[in-house]
N, C-alpha and C. Protein backbone atom coordinates (compact mmCIF):
# COMPACT_ATOMS: atom_id res chain seq x y z
N MET A 1 -12.89 14.67 4.91
CA MET A 1 -13.06 15.59 3.81
C MET A 1 -13.30 14.83 2.54
N ASP A 2 -14.22 15.34 1.73
CA ASP A 2 -14.56 14.66 0.49
C ASP A 2 -13.79 15.45 -0.63
N TRP A 3 -12.83 14.76 -1.23
CA TRP A 3 -11.96 15.45 -2.25
C TRP A 3 -12.80 15.87 -3.46
N LYS A 4 -13.92 15.22 -3.64
CA LYS A 4 -14.80 15.57 -4.79
C LYS A 4 -15.30 16.96 -4.76
N GLU A 5 -15.35 17.59 -3.53
CA GLU A 5 -15.81 19.02 -3.36
C GLU A 5 -14.69 19.90 -3.95
N HIS A 6 -13.46 19.49 -4.12
CA HIS A 6 -12.36 20.37 -4.45
C HIS A 6 -11.72 20.06 -5.85
N ILE A 7 -11.99 18.82 -6.36
CA ILE A 7 -11.39 18.44 -7.67
C ILE A 7 -12.42 18.25 -8.71
N SER A 8 -12.15 18.71 -9.91
CA SER A 8 -13.06 18.50 -11.00
C SER A 8 -12.28 17.94 -12.25
N ILE A 9 -13.05 17.25 -13.07
CA ILE A 9 -12.51 16.77 -14.33
C ILE A 9 -13.51 17.12 -15.40
N ASN A 10 -13.02 17.98 -16.33
CA ASN A 10 -13.87 18.47 -17.37
C ASN A 10 -13.05 18.32 -18.62
N PRO A 11 -13.66 17.58 -19.72
CA PRO A 11 -12.87 17.41 -20.87
C PRO A 11 -12.56 18.70 -21.65
N ASN A 12 -13.24 19.70 -21.32
CA ASN A 12 -13.00 21.00 -22.05
C ASN A 12 -11.96 21.89 -21.27
N ILE A 13 -11.54 21.41 -20.09
CA ILE A 13 -10.48 22.21 -19.31
C ILE A 13 -9.26 21.30 -19.13
N CYS A 14 -8.18 21.81 -19.56
CA CYS A 14 -6.88 21.07 -19.36
C CYS A 14 -6.93 19.66 -19.94
N HIS A 15 -7.63 19.51 -20.98
CA HIS A 15 -7.72 18.18 -21.68
C HIS A 15 -8.23 17.12 -20.78
N GLY A 16 -9.10 17.47 -19.80
CA GLY A 16 -9.73 16.49 -18.94
C GLY A 16 -8.81 16.03 -17.78
N LYS A 17 -7.71 16.70 -17.59
CA LYS A 17 -6.87 16.30 -16.37
C LYS A 17 -7.59 16.75 -15.14
N PRO A 18 -7.45 16.01 -14.08
CA PRO A 18 -8.00 16.40 -12.79
C PRO A 18 -7.45 17.74 -12.34
N CYS A 19 -8.22 18.76 -12.02
CA CYS A 19 -7.79 20.13 -11.59
C CYS A 19 -8.51 20.49 -10.38
N ILE A 20 -7.92 21.39 -9.62
CA ILE A 20 -8.58 22.07 -8.49
C ILE A 20 -9.75 22.92 -8.99
N LYS A 21 -10.94 22.74 -8.52
CA LYS A 21 -12.12 23.43 -9.01
C LYS A 21 -11.94 24.87 -9.09
N GLY A 22 -12.34 25.43 -10.17
CA GLY A 22 -12.27 26.85 -10.39
C GLY A 22 -10.83 27.38 -10.86
N THR A 23 -9.95 26.43 -11.11
CA THR A 23 -8.66 26.75 -11.54
C THR A 23 -8.24 25.87 -12.71
N ARG A 24 -7.09 26.09 -13.23
CA ARG A 24 -6.49 25.19 -14.23
C ARG A 24 -5.32 24.58 -13.64
N ILE A 25 -5.29 24.44 -12.37
CA ILE A 25 -4.06 23.85 -11.63
C ILE A 25 -4.33 22.36 -11.46
N TRP A 26 -3.49 21.61 -12.15
CA TRP A 26 -3.60 20.18 -12.14
C TRP A 26 -3.26 19.59 -10.76
N VAL A 27 -3.96 18.54 -10.37
CA VAL A 27 -3.78 17.79 -9.20
C VAL A 27 -2.35 17.32 -9.26
N SER A 28 -1.91 16.78 -10.36
CA SER A 28 -0.57 16.26 -10.53
C SER A 28 0.50 17.28 -10.25
N LEU A 29 0.29 18.53 -10.54
CA LEU A 29 1.23 19.56 -10.29
C LEU A 29 1.42 19.75 -8.82
N VAL A 30 0.29 19.82 -8.11
CA VAL A 30 0.41 19.94 -6.61
C VAL A 30 1.12 18.72 -6.06
N LEU A 31 0.76 17.56 -6.44
CA LEU A 31 1.42 16.36 -5.99
C LEU A 31 2.91 16.31 -6.30
N ASP A 32 3.29 16.82 -7.52
CA ASP A 32 4.71 16.91 -7.88
C ASP A 32 5.45 17.83 -6.96
N PHE A 33 4.79 19.00 -6.53
CA PHE A 33 5.45 19.94 -5.63
C PHE A 33 5.68 19.27 -4.25
N LEU A 34 4.62 18.57 -3.81
CA LEU A 34 4.80 17.93 -2.52
C LEU A 34 5.85 16.82 -2.59
N ALA A 35 5.85 16.11 -3.66
CA ALA A 35 6.84 14.97 -3.76
C ALA A 35 8.29 15.45 -3.85
N SER A 36 8.41 16.69 -4.37
CA SER A 36 9.76 17.26 -4.47
C SER A 36 10.18 17.92 -3.18
N GLY A 37 9.37 17.94 -2.14
CA GLY A 37 9.72 18.41 -0.81
C GLY A 37 9.14 19.83 -0.50
N ASP A 38 8.32 20.42 -1.40
CA ASP A 38 7.69 21.62 -1.05
C ASP A 38 6.65 21.42 -0.03
N SER A 39 6.51 22.34 0.89
CA SER A 39 5.52 22.23 1.98
C SER A 39 4.21 22.81 1.51
N ILE A 40 3.14 22.50 2.21
CA ILE A 40 1.82 23.02 1.91
C ILE A 40 1.92 24.53 1.98
N GLU A 41 2.60 25.08 2.99
CA GLU A 41 2.71 26.51 3.19
C GLU A 41 3.35 27.13 1.97
N THR A 42 4.39 26.53 1.44
CA THR A 42 5.11 27.02 0.23
C THR A 42 4.13 27.08 -0.99
N ILE A 43 3.36 26.06 -1.19
CA ILE A 43 2.44 26.03 -2.29
C ILE A 43 1.43 27.07 -2.11
N LEU A 44 0.91 27.36 -0.89
CA LEU A 44 -0.11 28.33 -0.58
C LEU A 44 0.49 29.69 -0.90
N GLN A 45 1.80 29.91 -0.62
CA GLN A 45 2.38 31.20 -0.87
C GLN A 45 2.52 31.42 -2.41
N GLU A 46 2.78 30.38 -3.13
CA GLU A 46 2.98 30.54 -4.60
C GLU A 46 1.62 30.61 -5.31
N TYR A 47 0.59 29.99 -4.73
CA TYR A 47 -0.75 30.01 -5.31
C TYR A 47 -1.72 30.42 -4.26
N PRO A 48 -1.72 31.77 -3.90
CA PRO A 48 -2.54 32.23 -2.75
C PRO A 48 -4.08 32.06 -2.90
N HIS A 49 -4.58 31.75 -4.14
CA HIS A 49 -6.03 31.50 -4.23
C HIS A 49 -6.37 30.13 -3.89
N LEU A 50 -5.44 29.15 -3.69
CA LEU A 50 -5.68 27.88 -3.22
C LEU A 50 -5.85 27.83 -1.73
N THR A 51 -6.55 26.83 -1.21
CA THR A 51 -6.66 26.61 0.21
C THR A 51 -5.94 25.38 0.70
N ARG A 52 -5.72 25.27 1.95
CA ARG A 52 -5.19 24.07 2.50
C ARG A 52 -6.03 22.84 2.16
N GLU A 53 -7.33 22.99 2.19
CA GLU A 53 -8.25 21.89 1.81
C GLU A 53 -8.07 21.45 0.38
N ASP A 54 -7.78 22.42 -0.49
CA ASP A 54 -7.55 22.09 -1.92
C ASP A 54 -6.33 21.14 -1.97
N ILE A 55 -5.29 21.51 -1.32
CA ILE A 55 -4.05 20.67 -1.34
C ILE A 55 -4.26 19.27 -0.71
N LEU A 56 -5.00 19.29 0.39
CA LEU A 56 -5.32 18.05 1.08
C LEU A 56 -6.21 17.15 0.13
N ALA A 57 -7.09 17.78 -0.59
CA ALA A 57 -7.95 17.04 -1.55
C ALA A 57 -7.05 16.48 -2.65
N CYS A 58 -6.03 17.18 -3.10
CA CYS A 58 -5.05 16.57 -4.12
C CYS A 58 -4.41 15.31 -3.59
N ILE A 59 -4.03 15.34 -2.31
CA ILE A 59 -3.40 14.15 -1.70
C ILE A 59 -4.38 13.01 -1.62
N ALA A 60 -5.60 13.34 -1.23
CA ALA A 60 -6.63 12.35 -1.10
C ALA A 60 -7.00 11.70 -2.51
N TYR A 61 -7.06 12.60 -3.52
CA TYR A 61 -7.25 12.18 -4.89
C TYR A 61 -6.22 11.24 -5.27
N GLY A 62 -4.91 11.54 -4.99
CA GLY A 62 -3.75 10.71 -5.41
C GLY A 62 -3.87 9.38 -4.68
N ALA A 63 -4.29 9.34 -3.41
CA ALA A 63 -4.42 8.12 -2.70
C ALA A 63 -5.52 7.24 -3.30
N GLU A 64 -6.63 7.88 -3.68
CA GLU A 64 -7.71 7.13 -4.31
C GLU A 64 -7.23 6.53 -5.68
N ALA A 65 -6.54 7.35 -6.47
CA ALA A 65 -6.04 6.90 -7.72
C ALA A 65 -5.05 5.72 -7.53
N ALA A 66 -4.24 5.75 -6.51
CA ALA A 66 -3.25 4.63 -6.30
C ALA A 66 -4.00 3.40 -5.84
N ARG A 67 -5.08 3.46 -5.22
CA ARG A 67 -5.93 2.29 -4.82
C ARG A 67 -6.55 1.67 -6.12
N GLU A 68 -6.81 2.43 -7.12
CA GLU A 68 -7.52 1.99 -8.27
C GLU A 68 -6.55 1.53 -9.42
N ARG A 69 -5.29 1.99 -9.41
CA ARG A 69 -4.44 1.67 -10.53
C ARG A 69 -3.07 1.42 -9.97
N PHE A 70 -2.38 0.44 -10.55
CA PHE A 70 -1.05 0.15 -10.19
C PHE A 70 -0.09 0.53 -11.28
N ILE A 71 1.02 1.13 -10.89
CA ILE A 71 2.07 1.50 -11.91
C ILE A 71 3.14 0.52 -11.69
N PRO A 72 3.54 -0.20 -12.76
CA PRO A 72 4.54 -1.29 -12.59
C PRO A 72 5.95 -0.64 -12.30
N ILE A 73 6.64 -1.17 -11.32
CA ILE A 73 8.02 -0.79 -11.07
C ILE A 73 8.85 -2.00 -10.96
N ALA A 74 10.14 -1.84 -11.23
CA ALA A 74 11.05 -2.96 -11.15
C ALA A 74 11.19 -3.41 -9.71
N VAL A 75 11.23 -4.68 -9.51
CA VAL A 75 11.40 -5.29 -8.21
C VAL A 75 12.94 -5.56 -8.01
N THR A 76 13.50 -5.13 -6.98
CA THR A 76 14.91 -5.40 -6.69
C THR A 76 15.03 -6.33 -5.54
N ALA A 77 16.13 -7.07 -5.49
CA ALA A 77 16.35 -7.95 -4.38
C ALA A 77 16.80 -7.14 -3.18
N SER A 78 16.28 -7.52 -2.04
CA SER A 78 16.62 -6.79 -0.78
C SER A 78 18.04 -7.17 -0.38
N GLU A 79 18.72 -6.33 0.27
CA GLU A 79 20.14 -6.58 0.70
C GLU A 79 20.11 -7.34 2.07
């Protein structure tokens, strides 16, 4: 699947944040829901105009972003 078919970035929509095409739903919002334990099915119930492919595209976009950018985190000693 090509996430670019489902995600758009437009400086005039949501201040240029990546959104699901045709909506103002941020990719980061969908990823936050998934990270907090919500299932794809739950998100689809809350946002019935989204598709499973839209949500998978958000995950793919997040993976692509992680490959391109590192967020520093503290390193802890292993036990």
